[in-house]
Amino acid sequence: MAKARSDGEPKPHPLQPRDRLEQLLFSTIRLEATIDEGVASGTGFVLRVPAPGIFPADQCCDLLVTNKHNIKDAREIRFLVHEELPDKRVSSRRTEVRLPGQTLDKMWTMHPDPSVDLCALNFGSLREQAEAQGTNVYAMTIPESLIATPEEMTDLLPVETVLMIGYPDGLADDVHNLPLYRRGTTATPPGVDFDGHPTFYVDLPCFEGSSGSPVFLFDHGIYATRDGAVRTGGRFMLLGVLFQGPPLQGEEYVGNPLQLLHLGEVVKANQLFALRDVFLQQVRRLVRP
C-alpha cells in the first residue's frame, strides 16, 4: 500500500532527471483502462518525431505509444502522468488525465499492419486535457533518432543486454509515480524476424501491465561486437516495444508456450516509423483539407 502524502503545494521531485537513466524514469506513462472485466494496466512511452510543416512551433510532435490491446474495448482510460512545476521541474505529485473511450476511438492511430500491436495518441491532447484541469504535464521524450536501424539490429549479437521500463502488473512507486526497471538479455537474434514476423524475444520476466514498455539496448563501459572486437563507451538505442508476456500465476494459460519460459515478445522499434507515417498523414488531412 502506498504511503500517505501530505496535502499542500507540490514539492520538487527528489530525482530531477539529468542522467540518461533518470530521464528514462519520466518517459513512460501508466495506463489504466476500464473494461467490462474491471481495470487493465498497461505501459506507454512518449516518442518525439519530426513533423516539419505541421507543427511550426518546434517542427516535431510527441506521440504516446502503446499496444493496441491495451486500449481495446476501453470505456475510459486513465493516464497517470507527472506534474510540471512553474520552474519546469517535475513534481512528486501525480496527475491523472481521463479520456472516455468514445473520444479515444477517434484519437488513436493504429499501426497499418493489423498484426503489429502498436498504436499512438498525440501527447499534446493529454497536455491540453491536463491544462483544462489546471495542471501541466511533465514528460521526457524519447527521440526518434534512438530507434535502432535494421543495420544496427543486424550488427547485434544474439545475446545482448536489454533494459525494459514499465509497470508489471500495474506496479509502480505511487508516491513518486515512478516505473520499474527490468534488466535481461535478448533471447533470439534481434536482427532476425522471429518466425517471419518483425519481432524478437527477450529473456525477461514480462507480466501484464508491462505491455507497451520500451525495450532498450543498454551497455555501460565495455561491450563486444560481432566482429570479435571489444569496445568501450557504451551503447544505447531503442530496440522495440514489449507486447506479449506470460499470463499471471493462477490464470489458465493460452498462447505461445515460449512465454512460460521467462520470456517476452518484442515488436521491433523500426515498426514505429510506419505508425508515425500514418499519424502524420492523418494530421496533414486535418490541417490541410
C-alpha atoms as a PDB file:
ATOM      1  CA  MET A   1       0.000   0.000   0.000  1.00  0.00           C
ATOM      2  CA  ALA A   2       1.315   3.438  -0.912  1.00  0.00           C
ATOM      3  CA  LYS A   3       2.268   5.770   1.920  1.00  0.00           C
ATOM      4  CA  ALA A   4       0.003   8.734   2.528  1.00  0.00           C
ATOM      5  CA  ARG A   5       1.199  12.030   1.103  1.00  0.00           C
ATOM      6  CA  SER A   6       0.813  15.358   2.834  1.00  0.00           C
ATOM      7  CA  ASP A   7      -1.528  17.948   1.386  1.00  0.00           C
ATOM      8  CA  GLY A   8      -0.477  21.371   0.241  1.00  0.00           C
ATOM      9  CA  GLU A   9       1.750  22.676  -2.518  1.00  0.00           C
ATOM     10  CA  PRO A  10       3.601  20.070  -4.606  1.00  0.00           C
ATOM     11  CA  LYS A  11       7.254  19.614  -3.772  1.00  0.00           C
ATOM     12  CA  PRO A  12      10.076  19.150  -6.300  1.00  0.00           C
ATOM     13  CA  HIS A  13      10.703  15.556  -7.222  1.00  0.00           C
ATOM     14  CA  PRO A  14      13.696  14.029  -5.382  1.00  0.00           C
ATOM     15  CA  LEU A  15      15.018  12.856  -8.767  1.00  0.00           C
ATOM     16  CA  GLN A  16      15.232  15.785 -11.132  1.00  0.00           C
ATOM     17  CA  PRO A  17      16.091  13.996 -14.393  1.00  0.00           C
ATOM     18  CA  ARG A  18      19.648  14.682 -15.532  1.00  0.00           C
ATOM     19  CA  ASP A  19      21.359  11.353 -16.149  1.00  0.00           C
ATOM     20  CA  ARG A  20      20.012   9.290 -19.031  1.00  0.00           C
ATOM     21  CA  LEU A  21      18.749   6.569 -16.724  1.00  0.00           C
ATOM     22  CA  GLU A  22      16.918   9.140 -14.609  1.00  0.00           C
ATOM     23  CA  GLN A  23      15.420  10.700 -17.720  1.00  0.00           C
ATOM     24  CA  LEU A  24      14.008   7.325 -18.766  1.00  0.00           C
ATOM     25  CA  LEU A  25      12.065   7.187 -15.490  1.00  0.00           C
ATOM     26  CA  PHE A  26       9.992  10.100 -16.770  1.00  0.00           C
ATOM     27  CA  SER A  27       9.438   8.880 -20.327  1.00  0.00           C
ATOM     28  CA  THR A  28       6.825   6.222 -19.505  1.00  0.00           C
ATOM     29  CA  ILE A  29       3.178   6.618 -18.544  1.00  0.00           C
ATOM     30  CA  ARG A  30       0.964   4.151 -16.707  1.00  0.00           C
ATOM     31  CA  LEU A  31      -2.348   3.375 -18.397  1.00  0.00           C
ATOM     32  CA  GLU A  32      -5.407   2.041 -16.616  1.00  0.00           C
ATOM     33  CA  ALA A  33      -8.190   1.009 -18.979  1.00  0.00           C
ATOM     34  CA  THR A  34     -11.715   0.455 -17.682  1.00  0.00           C
ATOM     35  CA  ILE A  35     -13.139  -2.604 -19.428  1.00  0.00           C
ATOM     36  CA  ASP A  36     -16.063  -4.937 -18.785  1.00  0.00           C
ATOM     37  CA  GLU A  37     -13.881  -7.230 -16.653  1.00  0.00           C
ATOM     38  CA  GLY A  38     -12.577  -4.388 -14.482  1.00  0.00           C
ATOM     39  CA  VAL A  39      -9.384  -2.351 -14.852  1.00  0.00           C
ATOM     40  CA  ALA A  40      -6.440  -3.430 -17.020  1.00  0.00           C
ATOM     41  CA  SER A  41      -2.993  -1.880 -16.621  1.00  0.00           C
ATOM     42  CA  GLY A  42      -0.524  -1.121 -19.361  1.00  0.00           C
ATOM     43  CA  THR A  43       2.515   0.997 -20.208  1.00  0.00           C
ATOM     44  CA  GLY A  44       3.035   3.768 -22.719  1.00  0.00           C
ATOM     45  CA  PHE A  45       6.015   5.972 -23.575  1.00  0.00           C
ATOM     46  CA  VAL A  46       6.470   9.322 -25.253  1.00  0.00           C
ATOM     47  CA  LEU A  47       8.215   9.331 -28.637  1.00  0.00           C
ATOM     48  CA  ARG A  48       9.260  12.592 -30.303  1.00  0.00           C
ATOM     49  CA  VAL A  49       9.036  12.545 -34.105  1.00  0.00           C
ATOM     50  CA  PRO A  50       9.897  15.234 -36.682  1.00  0.00           C
ATOM     51  CA  ALA A  51       6.837  16.932 -38.157  1.00  0.00           C
ATOM     52  CA  PRO A  52       8.099  19.756 -40.400  1.00  0.00           C
ATOM     53  CA  GLY A  53       5.401  21.954 -41.818  1.00  0.00           C
ATOM     54  CA  ILE A  54       2.723  20.569 -39.485  1.00  0.00           C
ATOM     55  CA  PHE A  55       3.724  21.748 -36.027  1.00  0.00           C
ATOM     56  CA  PRO A  56       5.539  25.053 -36.690  1.00  0.00           C
ATOM     57  CA  ALA A  57       6.376  25.774 -33.038  1.00  0.00           C
ATOM     58  CA  ASP A  58       9.152  23.194 -32.792  1.00  0.00           C
ATOM     59  CA  GLN A  59       8.770  21.175 -36.016  1.00  0.00           C
ATOM     60  CA  CYS A  60       8.091  17.982 -34.088  1.00  0.00           C
ATOM     61  CA  CYS A  61       5.301  16.093 -32.365  1.00  0.00           C
ATOM     62  CA  ASP A  62       5.175  13.932 -29.244  1.00  0.00           C
ATOM     63  CA  LEU A  63       3.367  10.604 -29.563  1.00  0.00           C
ATOM     64  CA  LEU A  64       2.192   8.433 -26.697  1.00  0.00           C
ATOM     65  CA  VAL A  65       2.952   4.905 -27.924  1.00  0.00           C
ATOM     66  CA  THR A  66       1.428   1.725 -26.503  1.00  0.00           C
ATOM     67  CA  ASN A  67      -0.107  -1.579 -27.629  1.00  0.00           C
ATOM     68  CA  LYS A  68      -3.433  -1.865 -29.406  1.00  0.00           C
ATOM     69  CA  HIS A  69      -4.601  -4.485 -26.941  1.00  0.00           C
ATOM     70  CA  ASN A  70      -4.023  -2.067 -24.025  1.00  0.00           C
ATOM     71  CA  ILE A  71      -6.836   0.179 -25.253  1.00  0.00           C
ATOM     72  CA  LYS A  72      -9.149  -2.366 -26.868  1.00  0.00           C
ATOM     73  CA  ASP A  73     -12.781  -2.121 -25.704  1.00  0.00           C
ATOM     74  CA  ALA A  74     -11.889   0.505 -23.084  1.00  0.00           C
ATOM     75  CA  ARG A  75     -14.790   2.610 -21.817  1.00  0.00           C
ATOM     76  CA  GLU A  76     -12.310   5.011 -20.246  1.00  0.00           C
ATOM     77  CA  ILE A  77      -8.535   5.255 -19.932  1.00  0.00           C
ATOM     78  CA  ARG A  78      -6.789   6.885 -17.013  1.00  0.00           C
ATOM     79  CA  PHE A  79      -3.305   8.226 -17.774  1.00  0.00           C
ATOM     80  CA  LEU A  80      -1.075   8.616 -14.707  1.00  0.00           C
ATOM     81  CA  VAL A  81       1.431  11.333 -15.552  1.00  0.00           C
ATOM     82  CA  HIS A  82       3.858  13.679 -13.805  1.00  0.00           C
ATOM     83  CA  GLU A  83       3.019  17.253 -12.926  1.00  0.00           C
ATOM     84  CA  GLU A  84       5.302  20.024 -14.107  1.00  0.00           C
ATOM     85  CA  LEU A  85       6.092  22.888 -11.726  1.00  0.00           C
ATOM     86  CA  PRO A  86       6.237  26.533 -12.874  1.00  0.00           C
ATOM     87  CA  ASP A  87      10.059  26.414 -12.903  1.00  0.00           C
ATOM     88  CA  LYS A  88       9.910  23.447 -15.349  1.00  0.00           C
ATOM     89  CA  ARG A  89      10.931  20.926 -12.699  1.00  0.00           C
ATOM     90  CA  VAL A  90       8.994  17.746 -12.103  1.00  0.00           C
ATOM     91  CA  SER A  91       6.767  17.434  -9.056  1.00  0.00           C
ATOM     92  CA  SER A  92       6.230  14.389  -6.856  1.00  0.00           C
ATOM     93  CA  ARG A  93       2.501  14.884  -7.303  1.00  0.00           C
ATOM     94  CA  ARG A  94       0.826  12.508  -9.726  1.00  0.00           C
ATOM     95  CA  THR A  95      -1.651  13.937 -12.210  1.00  0.00           C
ATOM     96  CA  GLU A  96      -4.483  11.851 -13.605  1.00  0.00           C
ATOM     97  CA  VAL A  97      -5.872  12.553 -17.052  1.00  0.00           C
ATOM     98  CA  ARG A  98      -9.031  10.687 -18.027  1.00  0.00           C
ATOM     99  CA  LEU A  99     -10.374  10.317 -21.542  1.00  0.00           C
ATOM    100  CA  PRO A 100     -13.606   8.481 -22.407  1.00  0.00           C
ATOM    101  CA  GLY A 101     -13.439   5.550 -24.786  1.00  0.00           C
ATOM    102  CA  GLN A 102     -15.686   7.121 -27.409  1.00  0.00           C
ATOM    103  CA  THR A 103     -13.293  10.069 -27.592  1.00  0.00           C
ATOM    104  CA  LEU A 104     -10.236   7.826 -27.713  1.00  0.00           C
ATOM    105  CA  ASP A 105     -11.591   5.837 -30.652  1.00  0.00           C
ATOM    106  CA  LYS A 106     -11.168   8.950 -32.779  1.00  0.00           C
ATOM    107  CA  MET A 107      -7.842   9.979 -31.288  1.00  0.00           C
ATOM    108  CA  TRP A 108      -5.773   6.802 -31.540  1.00  0.00           C
ATOM    109  CA  THR A 109      -3.740   5.978 -34.622  1.00  0.00           C
ATOM    110  CA  MET A 110      -3.375   2.251 -35.310  1.00  0.00           C
ATOM    111  CA  HIS A 111      -0.374   0.640 -36.948  1.00  0.00           C
ATOM    112  CA  PRO A 112      -1.355  -0.046 -40.568  1.00  0.00           C
ATOM    113  CA  ASP A 113      -0.446  -3.740 -40.241  1.00  0.00           C
ATOM    114  CA  PRO A 114      -3.203  -5.430 -38.191  1.00  0.00           C
ATOM    115  CA  SER A 115      -0.682  -7.995 -36.922  1.00  0.00           C
ATOM    116  CA  VAL A 116       1.592  -5.310 -35.404  1.00  0.00           C
ATOM    117  CA  ASP A 117       0.419  -4.493 -31.888  1.00  0.00           C
ATOM    118  CA  LEU A 118       1.208  -0.767 -31.803  1.00  0.00           C
ATOM    119  CA  CYS A 119      -0.862   2.401 -31.642  1.00  0.00           C
ATOM    120  CA  ALA A 120      -0.258   6.057 -30.816  1.00  0.00           C
ATOM    121  CA  LEU A 121      -2.000   9.116 -29.415  1.00  0.00           C
ATOM    122  CA  ASN A 122      -0.982  12.741 -29.854  1.00  0.00           C
ATOM    123  CA  PHE A 123       0.515  13.515 -26.445  1.00  0.00           C
ATOM    124  CA  GLY A 124      -0.462  17.137 -26.946  1.00  0.00           C
ATOM    125  CA  SER A 125      -4.109  16.148 -26.435  1.00  0.00           C
ATOM    126  CA  LEU A 126      -3.237  14.882 -22.940  1.00  0.00           C
ATOM    127  CA  ARG A 127      -1.376  18.101 -22.206  1.00  0.00           C
ATOM    128  CA  GLU A 128      -4.441  20.111 -23.253  1.00  0.00           C
ATOM    129  CA  GLN A 129      -6.744  17.986 -21.106  1.00  0.00           C
ATOM    130  CA  ALA A 130      -4.449  18.425 -18.096  1.00  0.00           C
ATOM    131  CA  GLU A 131      -4.267  22.196 -18.669  1.00  0.00           C
ATOM    132  CA  ALA A 132      -8.065  22.290 -18.730  1.00  0.00           C
ATOM    133  CA  GLN A 133      -7.912  20.676 -15.291  1.00  0.00           C
ATOM    134  CA  GLY A 134      -5.458  23.334 -14.079  1.00  0.00           C
ATOM    135  CA  THR A 135      -2.200  21.351 -14.193  1.00  0.00           C
ATOM    136  CA  ASN A 136       0.776  20.995 -16.509  1.00  0.00           C
ATOM    137  CA  VAL A 137       2.104  17.625 -17.614  1.00  0.00           C
ATOM    138  CA  TYR A 138       5.786  16.717 -17.432  1.00  0.00           C
ATOM    139  CA  ALA A 139       7.291  14.012 -19.634  1.00  0.00           C
ATOM    140  CA  MET A 140      10.712  13.245 -21.056  1.00  0.00           C
ATOM    141  CA  THR A 141      10.589  12.263 -24.701  1.00  0.00           C
ATOM    142  CA  ILE A 142      12.458   9.501 -26.492  1.00  0.00           C
ATOM    143  CA  PRO A 143      13.777  10.974 -29.755  1.00  0.00           C
ATOM    144  CA  GLU A 144      13.106   9.097 -32.954  1.00  0.00           C
ATOM    145  CA  SER A 145      16.863   9.117 -33.585  1.00  0.00           C
ATOM    146  CA  LEU A 146      17.250   6.454 -30.854  1.00  0.00           C
ATOM    147  CA  ILE A 147      15.291   3.880 -32.873  1.00  0.00           C
ATOM    148  CA  ALA A 148      17.675   1.130 -33.950  1.00  0.00           C
ATOM    149  CA  THR A 149      18.021   0.842 -37.711  1.00  0.00           C
ATOM    150  CA  PRO A 150      17.779  -2.563 -39.438  1.00  0.00           C
ATOM    151  CA  GLU A 151      21.547  -2.388 -39.971  1.00  0.00           C
ATOM    152  CA  GLU A 152      22.173  -1.747 -36.276  1.00  0.00           C
ATOM    153  CA  MET A 153      19.855  -4.617 -35.357  1.00  0.00           C
ATOM    154  CA  THR A 154      21.719  -6.958 -37.691  1.00  0.00           C
ATOM    155  CA  ASP A 155      25.053  -5.942 -36.160  1.00  0.00           C
ATOM    156  CA  LEU A 156      23.926  -7.033 -32.706  1.00  0.00           C
ATOM    157  CA  LEU A 157      24.934 -10.336 -31.160  1.00  0.00           C
ATOM    158  CA  PRO A 158      22.236 -12.965 -30.487  1.00  0.00           C
ATOM    159  CA  VAL A 159      22.606 -12.252 -26.752  1.00  0.00           C
ATOM    160  CA  GLU A 160      22.685  -8.565 -25.811  1.00  0.00           C
ATOM    161  CA  THR A 161      21.896  -6.717 -22.594  1.00  0.00           C
ATOM    162  CA  VAL A 162      18.475  -5.055 -22.622  1.00  0.00           C
ATOM    163  CA  LEU A 163      16.638  -2.704 -20.282  1.00  0.00           C
ATOM    164  CA  MET A 164      12.839  -2.523 -20.077  1.00  0.00           C
ATOM    165  CA  ILE A 165      10.876   0.191 -18.268  1.00  0.00           C
ATOM    166  CA  GLY A 166       7.232  -0.097 -17.281  1.00  0.00           C
ATOM    167  CA  TYR A 167       4.585  -1.194 -14.812  1.00  0.00           C
ATOM    168  CA  PRO A 168       4.462  -5.007 -14.392  1.00  0.00           C
ATOM    169  CA  ASP A 169       1.059  -5.996 -13.015  1.00  0.00           C
ATOM    170  CA  GLY A 170       0.417  -2.250 -12.618  1.00  0.00           C
ATOM    171  CA  LEU A 171       3.186  -1.969 -10.019  1.00  0.00           C
ATOM    172  CA  ALA A 172       4.786   1.453  -9.541  1.00  0.00           C
ATOM    173  CA  ASP A 173       6.124   3.788  -6.877  1.00  0.00           C
ATOM    174  CA  ASP A 174       2.785   5.513  -6.321  1.00  0.00           C
ATOM    175  CA  VAL A 175       4.217   8.208  -4.047  1.00  0.00           C
ATOM    176  CA  HIS A 176       6.633   9.419  -6.730  1.00  0.00           C
ATOM    177  CA  ASN A 177       4.835   7.963  -9.769  1.00  0.00           C
ATOM    178  CA  LEU A 178       7.926   6.081 -10.948  1.00  0.00           C
ATOM    179  CA  PRO A 179       8.059   2.922 -13.097  1.00  0.00           C
ATOM    180  CA  LEU A 180      10.226  -0.162 -12.594  1.00  0.00           C
ATOM    181  CA  TYR A 181      13.347  -1.169 -14.488  1.00  0.00           C
ATOM    182  CA  ARG A 182      13.695  -4.773 -15.655  1.00  0.00           C
ATOM    183  CA  ARG A 183      17.044  -5.970 -16.992  1.00  0.00           C
ATOM    184  CA  GLY A 184      17.786  -9.091 -19.048  1.00  0.00           C
ATOM    185  CA  THR A 185      19.075 -10.207 -22.427  1.00  0.00           C
ATOM    186  CA  THR A 186      17.836 -10.830 -25.913  1.00  0.00           C
ATOM    187  CA  ALA A 187      16.757 -14.450 -26.327  1.00  0.00           C
ATOM    188  CA  THR A 188      16.744 -14.503 -30.134  1.00  0.00           C
ATOM    189  CA  PRO A 189      18.921 -12.533 -32.598  1.00  0.00           C
ATOM    190  CA  PRO A 190      17.463  -9.009 -32.738  1.00  0.00           C
ATOM    191  CA  GLY A 191      18.260  -8.691 -36.431  1.00  0.00           C
ATOM    192  CA  VAL A 192      16.244 -11.779 -37.365  1.00  0.00           C
ATOM    193  CA  ASP A 193      12.453 -11.636 -37.735  1.00  0.00           C
ATOM    194  CA  PHE A 194      11.190 -14.377 -35.412  1.00  0.00           C
ATOM    195  CA  ASP A 195       9.046 -16.818 -37.401  1.00  0.00           C
ATOM    196  CA  GLY A 196       8.972 -14.237 -40.198  1.00  0.00           C
ATOM    197  CA  HIS A 197       7.366 -11.541 -38.021  1.00  0.00           C
ATOM    198  CA  PRO A 198       9.032  -8.205 -37.105  1.00  0.00           C
ATOM    199  CA  THR A 199       9.607  -9.376 -33.529  1.00  0.00           C
ATOM    200  CA  PHE A 200      12.272 -10.896 -31.301  1.00  0.00           C
ATOM    201  CA  TYR A 201      12.282 -12.427 -27.820  1.00  0.00           C
ATOM    202  CA  VAL A 202      13.838 -11.204 -24.594  1.00  0.00           C
ATOM    203  CA  ASP A 203      14.816 -13.217 -21.532  1.00  0.00           C
ATOM    204  CA  LEU A 204      12.929 -11.102 -19.003  1.00  0.00           C
ATOM    205  CA  PRO A 205      10.070 -11.593 -16.524  1.00  0.00           C
ATOM    206  CA  CYS A 206       7.251  -9.976 -18.513  1.00  0.00           C
ATOM    207  CA  PHE A 207       3.804  -9.674 -16.966  1.00  0.00           C
ATOM    208  CA  GLU A 208       0.505  -7.994 -17.673  1.00  0.00           C
ATOM    209  CA  GLY A 209       0.976  -4.260 -17.240  1.00  0.00           C
ATOM    210  CA  SER A 210       4.393  -4.367 -18.928  1.00  0.00           C
ATOM    211  CA  SER A 211       2.715  -4.386 -22.349  1.00  0.00           C
ATOM    212  CA  GLY A 212       3.799  -1.254 -24.181  1.00  0.00           C
ATOM    213  CA  SER A 213       7.102  -0.972 -22.306  1.00  0.00           C
ATOM    214  CA  PRO A 214      10.068   0.335 -24.320  1.00  0.00           C
ATOM    215  CA  VAL A 215      12.973  -2.118 -24.586  1.00  0.00           C
ATOM    216  CA  PHE A 216      16.452  -0.611 -24.932  1.00  0.00           C
ATOM    217  CA  LEU A 217      19.890  -1.914 -25.721  1.00  0.00           C
ATOM    218  CA  PHE A 218      21.863  -0.587 -22.784  1.00  0.00           C
ATOM    219  CA  ASP A 219      25.586  -1.181 -22.324  1.00  0.00           C
ATOM    220  CA  HIS A 220      27.771   0.565 -19.783  1.00  0.00           C
ATOM    221  CA  GLY A 221      31.501   0.760 -20.422  1.00  0.00           C
ATOM    222  CA  ILE A 222      32.711  -2.341 -22.281  1.00  0.00           C
ATOM    223  CA  TYR A 223      30.861  -4.451 -24.838  1.00  0.00           C
ATOM    224  CA  ALA A 224      31.667  -6.989 -27.568  1.00  0.00           C
ATOM    225  CA  THR A 225      30.777  -6.757 -31.255  1.00  0.00           C
ATOM    226  CA  ARG A 226      30.023  -9.373 -33.912  1.00  0.00           C
ATOM    227  CA  ASP A 227      33.476  -8.943 -35.439  1.00  0.00           C
ATOM    228  CA  GLY A 228      35.061 -10.055 -32.155  1.00  0.00           C
ATOM    229  CA  ALA A 229      36.203  -6.594 -31.103  1.00  0.00           C
ATOM    230  CA  VAL A 230      35.867  -5.254 -27.575  1.00  0.00           C
ATOM    231  CA  ARG A 231      34.809  -1.633 -27.377  1.00  0.00           C
ATOM    232  CA  THR A 232      34.323   0.965 -24.655  1.00  0.00           C
ATOM    233  CA  GLY A 233      31.922   3.838 -24.217  1.00  0.00           C
ATOM    234  CA  GLY A 234      28.607   2.029 -24.032  1.00  0.00           C
ATOM    235  CA  ARG A 235      25.632   1.775 -26.390  1.00  0.00           C
ATOM    236  CA  PHE A 236      22.080   2.969 -26.079  1.00  0.00           C
ATOM    237  CA  MET A 237      19.228   2.556 -28.571  1.00  0.00           C
ATOM    238  CA  LEU A 238      15.539   1.667 -28.683  1.00  0.00           C
ATOM    239  CA  LEU A 239      15.175  -1.921 -29.883  1.00  0.00           C
ATOM    240  CA  GLY A 240      11.438  -2.389 -29.575  1.00  0.00           C
ATOM    241  CA  VAL A 241       8.203  -2.441 -27.598  1.00  0.00           C
ATOM    242  CA  LEU A 242       7.069  -5.355 -25.449  1.00  0.00           C
ATOM    243  CA  PHE A 243       3.648  -6.621 -26.446  1.00  0.00           C
ATOM    244  CA  GLN A 244       3.352 -10.132 -25.102  1.00  0.00           C
ATOM    245  CA  GLY A 245       4.430 -11.924 -21.949  1.00  0.00           C
ATOM    246  CA  PRO A 246       3.380 -14.821 -19.730  1.00  0.00           C
ATOM    247  CA  PRO A 247      -0.018 -14.963 -18.017  1.00  0.00           C
ATOM    248  CA  LEU A 248      -0.339 -14.143 -14.351  1.00  0.00           C
ATOM    249  CA  GLN A 249       0.088 -17.038 -11.944  1.00  0.00           C
ATOM    250  CA  GLY A 250      -3.116 -18.998 -11.468  1.00  0.00           C
ATOM    251  CA  GLU A 251      -4.654 -17.983 -14.793  1.00  0.00           C
ATOM    252  CA  GLU A 252      -5.340 -20.555 -17.471  1.00  0.00           C
ATOM    253  CA  TYR A 253      -2.529 -20.418 -19.990  1.00  0.00           C
ATOM    254  CA  VAL A 254      -3.402 -19.647 -23.590  1.00  0.00           C
ATOM    255  CA  GLY A 255      -0.780 -18.670 -26.141  1.00  0.00           C
ATOM    256  CA  ASN A 256       2.802 -19.321 -27.124  1.00  0.00           C
ATOM    257  CA  PRO A 257       4.461 -21.913 -24.834  1.00  0.00           C
ATOM    258  CA  LEU A 258       7.742 -19.992 -25.045  1.00  0.00           C
ATOM    259  CA  GLN A 259       6.173 -17.414 -22.744  1.00  0.00           C
ATOM    260  CA  LEU A 260       6.196 -19.930 -19.902  1.00  0.00           C
ATOM    261  CA  LEU A 261       9.967 -19.897 -20.029  1.00  0.00           C
ATOM    262  CA  HIS A 262      10.632 -16.435 -18.560  1.00  0.00           C
ATOM    263  CA  LEU A 263      10.330 -14.767 -21.990  1.00  0.00           C
ATOM    264  CA  GLY A 264       8.630 -11.804 -23.599  1.00  0.00           C
ATOM    265  CA  GLU A 265       7.984 -10.963 -27.247  1.00  0.00           C
ATOM    266  CA  VAL A 266       9.005  -7.543 -28.559  1.00  0.00           C
ATOM    267  CA  VAL A 267       7.855  -5.794 -31.718  1.00  0.00           C
ATOM    268  CA  LYS A 268      10.847  -4.192 -33.422  1.00  0.00           C
ATOM    269  CA  ALA A 269      11.220  -0.450 -32.991  1.00  0.00           C
ATOM    270  CA  ASN A 270      11.515   0.188 -36.728  1.00  0.00           C
ATOM    271  CA  GLN A 271       7.781  -0.585 -36.907  1.00  0.00           C
ATOM    272  CA  LEU A 272       7.286   2.783 -35.208  1.00  0.00           C
ATOM    273  CA  PHE A 273       8.137   4.506 -38.488  1.00  0.00           C
ATOM    274  CA  ALA A 274       5.031   3.127 -40.216  1.00  0.00           C
ATOM    275  CA  LEU A 275       2.926   4.162 -37.231  1.00  0.00           C
ATOM    276  CA  ARG A 276       4.450   7.642 -37.342  1.00  0.00           C
ATOM    277  CA  ASP A 277       3.754   7.990 -41.067  1.00  0.00           C
ATOM    278  CA  VAL A 278       0.074   7.097 -40.691  1.00  0.00           C
ATOM    279  CA  PHE A 279      -0.278   9.537 -37.801  1.00  0.00           C
ATOM    280  CA  LEU A 280       1.317  12.402 -39.739  1.00  0.00           C
ATOM    281  CA  GLN A 281      -0.874  11.653 -42.776  1.00  0.00           C
ATOM    282  CA  GLN A 282      -3.963  11.931 -40.579  1.00  0.00           C
ATOM    283  CA  VAL A 283      -2.769  15.222 -39.110  1.00  0.00           C
ATOM    284  CA  ARG A 284      -1.986  16.661 -42.556  1.00  0.00           C
ATOM    285  CA  ARG A 285      -5.518  15.881 -43.704  1.00  0.00           C
ATOM    286  CA  LEU A 286      -6.869  17.796 -40.695  1.00  0.00           C
ATOM    287  CA  VAL A 287      -4.684  20.883 -41.124  1.00  0.00           C
ATOM    288  CA  ARG A 288      -4.813  20.875 -44.941  1.00  0.00           C
ATOM    289  CA  PRO A 289      -8.290  19.706 -46.006  1.00  0.00           C
END
